[in-house]
Amino acid sequence: MSANRKGDRRERELVNALDEAGFAVMRAPASGSATERELPDVLAGNGERFYAIEAKSSAGDPIYLDGEEVEALLFFSRNFGAKARIAVRFDREDWYFFHPGDLYTTDGGNYRVKKETALADGTDFAEFVGDSERTTLDDIRNGDG
């Protein structure tokens, strides 16, 4: 299966999951190729939270995002009034979400997410849609958990 078809399938999967979680959601057509404007892959909102999402998937290799692509997402999000998020999915794993500012920046000005980073530091789907909250050991030690 071509990378584009797999990416399209993953984006549709994310749209369907957000829809099932109660979000109004749409996938931007061809995410920019149908227009001169750079658009996020997915727009989602539930009346309380509004997201502009760039979705990426990988079989297991690190996921790289072009710096200009991330800057366009941030620009769109600010003007639209949505929170910018990068959604990553590695094969046999769930979706994980990051604010672009939390991603590793390469020397060339691009962004990278490794599978280990996604699993350890990413916001999982349940937390992203508000079904759960992350509790850390520090929260428990401080009596917050």
N, C-alpha and C. Protein backbone atom coordinates (compact mmCIF):
# COMPACT_ATOMS: atom_id res chain seq x y z
N MET A 1 0.85 -1.18 0.00
CA MET A 1 0.00 0.00 0.00
C MET A 1 0.89 1.23 0.00
N SER A 2 0.52 2.20 -0.83
CA SER A 2 1.34 3.40 -0.91
C SER A 2 1.26 4.19 0.39
N ALA A 3 2.29 4.98 0.65
CA ALA A 3 2.33 5.78 1.88
C ALA A 3 1.16 6.75 1.93
N ASN A 4 0.81 7.34 0.76
CA ASN A 4 -0.32 8.28 0.74
C ASN A 4 -1.63 7.61 1.09
N ARG A 5 -1.87 6.43 0.53
CA ARG A 5 -3.12 5.72 0.83
C ARG A 5 -3.18 5.32 2.29
N LYS A 6 -2.05 4.89 2.84
CA LYS A 6 -2.01 4.52 4.25
C LYS A 6 -2.26 5.76 5.12
N GLY A 7 -1.63 6.88 4.77
CA GLY A 7 -1.84 8.12 5.51
C GLY A 7 -3.29 8.56 5.46
N ASP A 8 -3.90 8.47 4.27
CA ASP A 8 -5.32 8.82 4.13
C ASP A 8 -6.18 7.93 5.02
N ARG A 9 -5.88 6.64 5.02
CA ARG A 9 -6.65 5.70 5.84
C ARG A 9 -6.50 6.04 7.32
N ARG A 10 -5.29 6.37 7.74
CA ARG A 10 -5.06 6.73 9.14
C ARG A 10 -5.80 8.02 9.50
N GLU A 11 -5.80 9.00 8.61
CA GLU A 11 -6.53 10.24 8.87
C GLU A 11 -8.03 9.96 9.02
N ARG A 12 -8.58 9.12 8.15
CA ARG A 12 -10.00 8.78 8.25
C ARG A 12 -10.29 8.05 9.57
N GLU A 13 -9.35 7.19 9.98
CA GLU A 13 -9.47 6.48 11.25
C GLU A 13 -9.53 7.48 12.41
N LEU A 14 -8.68 8.48 12.38
CA LEU A 14 -8.67 9.50 13.43
C LEU A 14 -9.98 10.30 13.41
N VAL A 15 -10.44 10.68 12.24
CA VAL A 15 -11.71 11.41 12.11
C VAL A 15 -12.85 10.60 12.70
N ASN A 16 -12.91 9.32 12.39
CA ASN A 16 -13.99 8.46 12.90
C ASN A 16 -13.91 8.32 14.42
N ALA A 17 -12.71 8.18 14.96
CA ALA A 17 -12.55 8.04 16.41
C ALA A 17 -12.98 9.33 17.12
N LEU A 18 -12.60 10.49 16.57
CA LEU A 18 -13.01 11.76 17.17
C LEU A 18 -14.52 11.94 17.08
N ASP A 19 -15.10 11.54 15.97
CA ASP A 19 -16.55 11.60 15.80
C ASP A 19 -17.25 10.75 16.86
N GLU A 20 -16.77 9.54 17.06
CA GLU A 20 -17.34 8.64 18.06
C GLU A 20 -17.18 9.20 19.48
N ALA A 21 -16.16 10.03 19.70
CA ALA A 21 -15.92 10.64 21.01
C ALA A 21 -16.75 11.91 21.21
N GLY A 22 -17.61 12.25 20.24
CA GLY A 22 -18.52 13.38 20.40
C GLY A 22 -18.05 14.69 19.80
N PHE A 23 -16.98 14.65 19.01
CA PHE A 23 -16.49 15.86 18.37
C PHE A 23 -17.16 16.05 17.01
N ALA A 24 -17.41 17.31 16.64
CA ALA A 24 -17.72 17.64 15.26
C ALA A 24 -16.36 17.67 14.58
N VAL A 25 -16.24 16.97 13.49
CA VAL A 25 -14.90 16.78 12.92
C VAL A 25 -14.97 16.74 11.40
N MET A 26 -13.93 17.28 10.78
CA MET A 26 -13.83 17.19 9.32
C MET A 26 -12.37 17.02 8.93
N ARG A 27 -12.19 16.32 7.85
CA ARG A 27 -10.86 16.12 7.28
C ARG A 27 -10.71 17.12 6.15
N ALA A 28 -9.63 17.88 6.16
CA ALA A 28 -9.40 18.86 5.11
C ALA A 28 -9.09 18.12 3.81
N PRO A 29 -9.73 18.50 2.71
CA PRO A 29 -9.49 17.80 1.45
C PRO A 29 -8.06 17.96 0.98
N ALA A 30 -7.37 16.86 0.86
CA ALA A 30 -6.00 16.80 0.37
C ALA A 30 -5.04 17.66 1.16
N SER A 31 -5.48 18.13 2.31
CA SER A 31 -4.62 18.86 3.25
C SER A 31 -3.68 19.85 2.57
N GLY A 32 -4.24 20.71 1.75
CA GLY A 32 -3.43 21.77 1.16
C GLY A 32 -3.24 21.66 -0.34
N SER A 33 -3.28 20.44 -0.89
CA SER A 33 -3.04 20.33 -2.32
C SER A 33 -4.25 20.79 -3.14
N ALA A 34 -5.44 20.84 -2.51
CA ALA A 34 -6.63 21.30 -3.21
C ALA A 34 -6.74 22.81 -3.22
N THR A 35 -5.87 23.45 -2.50
CA THR A 35 -5.90 24.91 -2.38
C THR A 35 -4.47 25.41 -2.24
N GLU A 36 -4.29 26.69 -2.45
CA GLU A 36 -2.97 27.29 -2.25
C GLU A 36 -2.64 27.45 -0.77
N ARG A 37 -3.68 27.48 0.07
CA ARG A 37 -3.48 27.64 1.51
C ARG A 37 -3.09 26.32 2.15
N GLU A 38 -2.23 26.42 3.14
CA GLU A 38 -1.87 25.23 3.92
C GLU A 38 -2.97 25.00 4.95
N LEU A 39 -3.56 23.82 4.92
CA LEU A 39 -4.63 23.48 5.85
C LEU A 39 -4.18 22.32 6.74
N PRO A 40 -4.69 22.25 7.97
CA PRO A 40 -4.40 21.08 8.80
C PRO A 40 -5.11 19.85 8.23
N ASP A 41 -4.69 18.69 8.64
CA ASP A 41 -5.32 17.46 8.15
C ASP A 41 -6.74 17.31 8.69
N VAL A 42 -6.94 17.70 9.95
CA VAL A 42 -8.22 17.48 10.62
C VAL A 42 -8.57 18.71 11.46
N LEU A 43 -9.83 19.08 11.44
CA LEU A 43 -10.38 20.10 12.34
C LEU A 43 -11.42 19.40 13.22
N ALA A 44 -11.34 19.63 14.53
CA ALA A 44 -12.26 18.97 15.44
C ALA A 44 -12.62 19.91 16.58
N GLY A 45 -13.88 19.85 17.00
CA GLY A 45 -14.33 20.65 18.13
C GLY A 45 -15.52 20.00 18.80
N ASN A 46 -15.68 20.28 20.09
CA ASN A 46 -16.83 19.72 20.82
C ASN A 46 -17.57 20.78 21.63
N GLY A 47 -17.39 22.04 21.29
CA GLY A 47 -18.03 23.12 22.03
C GLY A 47 -17.17 23.66 23.15
N GLU A 48 -16.22 22.87 23.62
CA GLU A 48 -15.29 23.29 24.67
C GLU A 48 -13.85 23.33 24.17
N ARG A 49 -13.51 22.36 23.34
CA ARG A 49 -12.14 22.25 22.81
C ARG A 49 -12.21 22.29 21.29
N PHE A 50 -11.28 23.04 20.70
CA PHE A 50 -11.21 23.15 19.25
C PHE A 50 -9.77 22.90 18.83
N TYR A 51 -9.58 21.95 17.92
CA TYR A 51 -8.24 21.54 17.51
C TYR A 51 -8.06 21.63 16.00
N ALA A 52 -6.87 22.05 15.61
CA ALA A 52 -6.38 21.91 14.23
C ALA A 52 -5.25 20.88 14.34
N ILE A 53 -5.38 19.78 13.62
CA ILE A 53 -4.50 18.63 13.82
C ILE A 53 -3.76 18.27 12.54
N GLU A 54 -2.46 18.10 12.66
CA GLU A 54 -1.63 17.52 11.59
C GLU A 54 -1.40 16.07 12.00
N ALA A 55 -1.84 15.13 11.19
CA ALA A 55 -1.77 13.70 11.52
C ALA A 55 -0.67 13.02 10.71
N LYS A 56 0.15 12.22 11.41
CA LYS A 56 1.23 11.49 10.77
C LYS A 56 1.26 10.07 11.32
N SER A 57 1.63 9.12 10.47
CA SER A 57 1.75 7.74 10.92
C SER A 57 3.01 7.12 10.36
N SER A 58 3.44 6.04 11.03
CA SER A 58 4.68 5.37 10.63
C SER A 58 4.62 3.92 11.07
N ALA A 59 5.34 3.07 10.35
CA ALA A 59 5.43 1.67 10.71
C ALA A 59 6.28 1.49 11.96
N GLY A 60 7.12 2.42 12.27
CA GLY A 60 7.98 2.30 13.44
C GLY A 60 9.16 3.24 13.42
N ASP A 61 9.46 3.75 12.24
CA ASP A 61 10.55 4.72 12.12
C ASP A 61 10.12 6.04 12.74
N PRO A 62 11.08 6.87 13.12
CA PRO A 62 10.69 8.20 13.63
C PRO A 62 9.85 8.95 12.59
N ILE A 63 8.96 9.78 13.07
CA ILE A 63 8.13 10.61 12.20
C ILE A 63 8.76 11.99 12.14
N TYR A 64 8.95 12.48 10.93
CA TYR A 64 9.51 13.82 10.73
C TYR A 64 8.45 14.73 10.15
N LEU A 65 8.46 15.96 10.62
CA LEU A 65 7.56 16.98 10.09
C LEU A 65 8.40 18.14 9.62
N ASP A 66 8.07 18.64 8.46
CA ASP A 66 8.75 19.78 7.88
C ASP A 66 8.46 21.02 8.73
N GLY A 67 9.48 21.82 8.98
CA GLY A 67 9.32 23.02 9.79
C GLY A 67 8.26 23.96 9.24
N GLU A 68 8.20 24.12 7.91
CA GLU A 68 7.21 25.00 7.29
C GLU A 68 5.79 24.47 7.50
N GLU A 69 5.65 23.15 7.48
CA GLU A 69 4.35 22.52 7.71
C GLU A 69 3.85 22.82 9.13
N VAL A 70 4.74 22.74 10.10
CA VAL A 70 4.37 23.02 11.49
C VAL A 70 4.07 24.51 11.67
N GLU A 71 4.87 25.38 11.06
CA GLU A 71 4.61 26.82 11.14
C GLU A 71 3.26 27.17 10.53
N ALA A 72 2.91 26.52 9.41
CA ALA A 72 1.61 26.75 8.78
C ALA A 72 0.48 26.30 9.70
N LEU A 73 0.67 25.17 10.40
CA LEU A 73 -0.33 24.70 11.34
C LEU A 73 -0.52 25.70 12.48
N LEU A 74 0.57 26.21 13.01
CA LEU A 74 0.50 27.19 14.09
C LEU A 74 -0.19 28.47 13.63
N PHE A 75 0.14 28.93 12.43
CA PHE A 75 -0.47 30.14 11.87
C PHE A 75 -1.98 29.95 11.71
N PHE A 76 -2.38 28.82 11.09
CA PHE A 76 -3.79 28.54 10.88
C PHE A 76 -4.52 28.47 12.23
N SER A 77 -3.93 27.76 13.17
CA SER A 77 -4.56 27.56 14.48
C SER A 77 -4.80 28.88 15.19
N ARG A 78 -3.80 29.74 15.19
CA ARG A 78 -3.95 31.05 15.84
C ARG A 78 -5.08 31.83 15.20
N ASN A 79 -5.12 31.88 13.88
CA ASN A 79 -6.13 32.67 13.18
C ASN A 79 -7.52 32.05 13.28
N PHE A 80 -7.58 30.75 13.39
CA PHE A 80 -8.86 30.05 13.45
C PHE A 80 -9.41 29.98 14.88
N GLY A 81 -8.53 30.11 15.86
CA GLY A 81 -8.96 30.01 17.25
C GLY A 81 -8.96 28.59 17.77
N ALA A 82 -8.11 27.75 17.19
CA ALA A 82 -8.02 26.35 17.61
C ALA A 82 -6.65 26.08 18.22
N LYS A 83 -6.57 24.99 18.97
CA LYS A 83 -5.28 24.56 19.51
C LYS A 83 -4.59 23.69 18.46
N ALA A 84 -3.34 24.00 18.19
CA ALA A 84 -2.55 23.20 17.23
C ALA A 84 -2.08 21.93 17.91
N ARG A 85 -2.27 20.81 17.23
CA ARG A 85 -1.78 19.54 17.75
C ARG A 85 -1.21 18.69 16.62
N ILE A 86 -0.18 17.95 16.96
CA ILE A 86 0.39 16.95 16.06
C ILE A 86 -0.09 15.61 16.59
N ALA A 87 -0.75 14.83 15.74
CA ALA A 87 -1.21 13.49 16.11
C ALA A 87 -0.29 12.49 15.42
N VAL A 88 0.25 11.56 16.19
CA VAL A 88 1.12 10.53 15.62
C VAL A 88 0.58 9.15 15.96
N ARG A 89 0.76 8.25 15.00
CA ARG A 89 0.34 6.86 15.24
C ARG A 89 1.37 5.94 14.63
N PHE A 90 1.88 5.07 15.45
CA PHE A 90 2.81 4.05 14.99
C PHE A 90 2.04 2.74 14.89
N ASP A 91 2.42 1.88 13.94
CA ASP A 91 1.72 0.61 13.76
C ASP A 91 1.59 -0.14 15.08
N ARG A 92 0.42 -0.71 15.29
CA ARG A 92 0.07 -1.48 16.48
C ARG A 92 0.07 -0.64 17.75
N GLU A 93 -0.04 0.67 17.61
CA GLU A 93 -0.15 1.59 18.75
C GLU A 93 -1.34 2.50 18.52
N ASP A 94 -1.73 3.21 19.56
CA ASP A 94 -2.83 4.16 19.47
C ASP A 94 -2.31 5.52 19.00
N TRP A 95 -3.22 6.47 18.87
CA TRP A 95 -2.85 7.84 18.55
C TRP A 95 -2.29 8.52 19.79
N TYR A 96 -1.28 9.35 19.58
CA TYR A 96 -0.71 10.19 20.63
C TYR A 96 -0.63 11.61 20.09
N PHE A 97 -0.83 12.59 20.98
CA PHE A 97 -0.93 13.98 20.57
C PHE A 97 0.11 14.83 21.28
N PHE A 98 0.62 15.83 20.53
CA PHE A 98 1.64 16.74 21.05
C PHE A 98 1.32 18.16 20.61
N HIS A 99 1.64 19.11 21.47
CA HIS A 99 1.69 20.50 21.03
C HIS A 99 2.98 20.62 20.22
N PRO A 100 2.97 21.34 19.11
CA PRO A 100 4.20 21.44 18.30
C PRO A 100 5.42 21.91 19.08
N GLY A 101 5.23 22.77 20.08
CA GLY A 101 6.35 23.27 20.87
C GLY A 101 6.99 22.20 21.74
N ASP A 102 6.32 21.07 21.92
CA ASP A 102 6.86 19.99 22.75
C ASP A 102 7.66 18.97 21.94
N LEU A 103 7.74 19.18 20.63
CA LEU A 103 8.45 18.21 19.78
C LEU A 103 9.94 18.52 19.72
N TYR A 104 10.72 17.50 19.44
CA TYR A 104 12.16 17.66 19.25
C TYR A 104 12.39 18.39 17.93
N THR A 105 13.23 19.41 17.96
CA THR A 105 13.56 20.17 16.75
C THR A 105 14.94 19.74 16.27
N THR A 106 15.03 19.39 15.00
CA THR A 106 16.30 18.97 14.42
C THR A 106 17.16 20.20 14.11
N ASP A 107 18.44 19.95 13.83
CA ASP A 107 19.35 21.05 13.47
C ASP A 107 18.86 21.79 12.22
N GLY A 108 18.15 21.09 11.34
CA GLY A 108 17.65 21.70 10.11
C GLY A 108 16.34 22.44 10.28
N GLY A 109 15.80 22.52 11.51
CA GLY A 109 14.56 23.26 11.73
C GLY A 109 13.30 22.44 11.51
N ASN A 110 13.45 21.13 11.36
CA ASN A 110 12.29 20.25 11.23
C ASN A 110 11.98 19.64 12.59
N TYR A 111 10.96 18.84 12.64
CA TYR A 111 10.52 18.25 13.91
C TYR A 111 10.53 16.74 13.80
N ARG A 112 10.75 16.07 14.96
CA ARG A 112 10.83 14.62 14.96
C ARG A 112 10.10 14.07 16.18
N VAL A 113 9.40 12.93 15.97
CA VAL A 113 8.79 12.19 17.07
C VAL A 113 9.21 10.73 16.92
N LYS A 114 9.87 10.21 17.95
CA LYS A 114 10.22 8.80 17.99
C LYS A 114 9.09 8.04 18.68
N LYS A 115 8.98 6.77 18.35
CA LYS A 115 7.94 5.93 18.95
C LYS A 115 8.03 5.94 20.48
N GLU A 116 9.26 5.81 21.00
CA GLU A 116 9.43 5.78 22.46
C GLU A 116 8.95 7.09 23.09
N THR A 117 9.20 8.20 22.42
CA THR A 117 8.77 9.51 22.91
C THR A 117 7.25 9.60 22.92
N ALA A 118 6.63 9.12 21.86
CA ALA A 118 5.16 9.15 21.78
C ALA A 118 4.55 8.37 22.93
N LEU A 119 5.06 7.16 23.16
CA LEU A 119 4.50 6.31 24.20
C LEU A 119 4.74 6.88 25.60
N ALA A 120 5.91 7.50 25.81
CA ALA A 120 6.26 8.01 27.14
C ALA A 120 5.67 9.38 27.43
N ASP A 121 5.66 10.27 26.44
CA ASP A 121 5.35 11.67 26.69
C ASP A 121 4.10 12.19 25.99
N GLY A 122 3.57 11.44 25.03
CA GLY A 122 2.41 11.92 24.29
C GLY A 122 1.13 11.84 25.10
N THR A 123 0.16 12.64 24.73
CA THR A 123 -1.17 12.58 25.32
C THR A 123 -1.94 11.50 24.59
N ASP A 124 -2.44 10.50 25.32
CA ASP A 124 -3.15 9.42 24.63
C ASP A 124 -4.56 9.88 24.22
N PHE A 125 -5.24 9.06 23.44
CA PHE A 125 -6.53 9.46 22.87
C PHE A 125 -7.56 9.77 23.96
N ALA A 126 -7.66 8.92 24.97
CA ALA A 126 -8.66 9.13 26.02
C ALA A 126 -8.45 10.46 26.73
N GLU A 127 -7.21 10.79 27.02
CA GLU A 127 -6.93 12.07 27.67
C GLU A 127 -7.19 13.23 26.71
N PHE A 128 -6.84 13.06 25.45
CA PHE A 128 -7.03 14.11 24.45
C PHE A 128 -8.50 14.50 24.32
N VAL A 129 -9.40 13.51 24.33
CA VAL A 129 -10.82 13.80 24.16
C VAL A 129 -11.53 14.07 25.48
N GLY A 130 -10.77 14.05 26.60
CA GLY A 130 -11.34 14.41 27.88
C GLY A 130 -11.97 13.26 28.64
N ASP A 131 -11.69 12.00 28.23
CA ASP A 131 -12.26 10.85 28.93
C ASP A 131 -11.45 10.44 30.15
N SER A 132 -10.22 10.93 30.26
CA SER A 132 -9.39 10.58 31.41
C SER A 132 -8.36 11.69 31.61
N GLU A 133 -7.70 11.66 32.73
CA GLU A 133 -6.61 12.59 32.99
C GLU A 133 -5.38 11.79 33.38
N ARG A 134 -4.23 12.27 32.97
CA ARG A 134 -2.99 11.61 33.30
C ARG A 134 -2.62 11.93 34.75
N THR A 135 -2.25 10.91 35.49
CA THR A 135 -1.74 11.08 36.85
C THR A 135 -0.31 10.60 36.86
N THR A 136 0.59 11.46 37.31
CA THR A 136 2.00 11.10 37.36
C THR A 136 2.38 10.71 38.79
N LEU A 137 3.54 10.10 38.93
CA LEU A 137 4.03 9.78 40.27
C LEU A 137 4.18 11.02 41.12
N ASP A 138 4.60 12.13 40.50
CA ASP A 138 4.72 13.39 41.24
C ASP A 138 3.37 13.85 41.78
N ASP A 139 2.30 13.65 40.99
CA ASP A 139 0.96 14.00 41.46
C ASP A 139 0.59 13.19 42.71
N ILE A 140 0.90 11.91 42.68
CA ILE A 140 0.59 11.03 43.80
C ILE A 140 1.40 11.42 45.03
N ARG A 141 2.69 11.68 44.81
CA ARG A 141 3.57 12.08 45.93
C ARG A 141 3.11 13.38 46.56
N ASN A 142 2.57 14.29 45.73
CA ASN A 142 2.15 15.60 46.23
C ASN A 142 0.69 15.62 46.70
N GLY A 143 0.05 14.45 46.66
CA GLY A 143 -1.32 14.34 47.13
C GLY A 143 -2.36 14.83 46.15
N ASP A 144 -1.97 14.99 44.85
CA ASP A 144 -2.90 15.48 43.85
C ASP A 144 -3.60 14.35 43.10
N GLY A 145 -3.17 13.09 43.30
CA GLY A 145 -3.67 12.01 42.46
C GLY A 145 -4.66 11.14 43.05
